[in-house]
Amino acid sequence: MVNRRLPPLTSLRAFEAAARRSSFKAAAEELFVTPTAISHQIRQLEAHLGLRVLERTPRAVRLTAEGSVLYEATASGFAEIARAVAQLQRR
């Protein structure tokens, strides 16, 4: 059965960075964690959703069709949060 609650925010953040950078290593450097931590977060996200969101290759990662849908939502959501934080900081 698929979990209907939102996945952990840390997993979504790791996914968004890995998808955008096409690399666990690059995502790890951006988020100041290890590539293993990124891999763990992605596995947790996939277990929570009950589906694969990234295809892993020896040198990169690629979005699955389902991952593309999730990436659009997470990228948009994080961008909106960043805009709101910037707006609040300008006040």
Protein backbone atom coordinates (compact mmCIF):
# COMPACT_ATOMS: atom_id res chain seq x y z
CA MET A 1 0.00 0.00 0.00
CA VAL A 2 1.29 3.46 -0.90
CA ASN A 3 1.83 5.93 1.93
CA ARG A 4 -0.43 8.98 1.40
CA ARG A 5 1.51 11.29 3.73
CA LEU A 6 4.23 13.59 2.43
CA PRO A 7 7.71 12.09 2.34
CA PRO A 8 10.32 13.49 4.74
CA LEU A 9 11.52 16.93 3.67
CA THR A 10 15.16 15.79 3.82
CA SER A 11 14.40 13.09 1.25
CA LEU A 12 12.65 15.56 -1.04
CA ARG A 13 15.55 18.02 -0.75
CA ALA A 14 18.10 15.30 -1.54
CA PHE A 15 15.99 14.15 -4.49
CA GLU A 16 15.63 17.67 -5.90
CA ALA A 17 19.36 18.32 -5.70
CA ALA A 18 20.31 14.91 -7.16
CA ALA A 19 17.81 15.28 -9.99
CA ARG A 20 18.87 18.84 -10.81
CA ARG A 21 22.58 17.99 -10.68
CA SER A 22 22.21 14.47 -12.19
CA SER A 23 24.65 13.25 -9.57
CA PHE A 24 24.61 11.99 -6.00
CA LYS A 25 28.13 13.36 -5.53
CA ALA A 26 27.24 16.87 -6.72
CA ALA A 27 24.05 16.86 -4.65
CA ALA A 28 26.04 15.76 -1.61
CA GLU A 29 28.55 18.58 -2.06
CA GLU A 30 25.72 21.11 -2.38
CA LEU A 31 23.95 19.86 0.74
CA PHE A 32 27.14 19.27 2.77
CA VAL A 33 26.53 15.54 3.25
CA THR A 34 28.06 12.39 1.80
CA PRO A 35 26.95 10.72 -1.43
CA THR A 36 25.96 7.74 0.71
CA ALA A 37 23.60 10.00 2.68
CA ILE A 38 22.01 11.18 -0.58
CA SER A 39 21.62 7.58 -1.72
CA HIS A 40 19.99 6.67 1.59
CA GLN A 41 17.56 9.59 1.34
CA ILE A 42 16.60 8.62 -2.22
CA ARG A 43 16.01 5.00 -1.16
CA GLN A 44 13.86 6.26 1.72
CA LEU A 45 11.86 8.45 -0.68
CA GLU A 46 11.36 5.59 -3.14
CA ALA A 47 10.27 3.26 -0.34
CA HIS A 48 7.82 5.88 0.92
CA LEU A 49 6.35 6.37 -2.57
CA GLY A 50 6.50 2.73 -3.57
CA LEU A 51 8.17 3.56 -6.91
CA ARG A 52 11.48 4.49 -8.49
CA VAL A 53 12.17 8.18 -9.11
CA LEU A 54 15.76 7.93 -10.35
CA GLU A 55 17.60 5.55 -12.65
CA ARG A 56 21.12 5.02 -11.39
CA THR A 57 24.05 4.63 -13.79
CA PRO A 58 27.74 4.36 -12.92
CA ARG A 59 28.38 8.06 -13.56
CA ALA A 60 25.02 9.80 -13.24
CA VAL A 61 21.37 9.55 -12.30
CA ARG A 62 18.38 10.17 -14.55
CA LEU A 63 14.77 10.84 -13.76
CA THR A 64 12.17 8.17 -14.36
CA ALA A 65 8.81 9.31 -15.76
CA GLU A 66 7.45 9.42 -12.21
CA GLY A 67 10.58 11.22 -11.06
CA SER A 68 10.02 13.93 -13.68
CA VAL A 69 6.59 14.65 -12.22
CA LEU A 70 7.99 14.81 -8.69
CA TYR A 71 10.96 16.92 -9.77
CA GLU A 72 8.73 19.58 -11.33
CA ALA A 73 6.75 19.81 -8.10
CA THR A 74 9.76 19.87 -5.76
CA ALA A 75 11.74 22.36 -7.85
CA SER A 76 8.72 24.65 -8.04
CA GLY A 77 7.97 24.27 -4.35
CA PHE A 78 11.52 24.95 -3.20
CA ALA A 79 11.74 27.95 -5.56
CA GLU A 80 8.54 29.36 -4.05
CA ILE A 81 9.89 28.88 -0.53
CA ALA A 82 13.13 30.65 -1.53
CA ARG A 83 11.14 33.58 -2.95
CA ALA A 84 9.10 33.88 0.25
CA VAL A 85 12.23 33.80 2.43
CA ALA A 86 13.89 36.46 0.28
CA GLN A 87 10.78 38.63 0.52
CA LEU A 88 10.68 38.30 4.30
CA GLN A 89 14.37 39.14 4.59
CA ARG A 90 13.88 42.33 2.57
CA ARG A 91 11.29 43.65 5.06
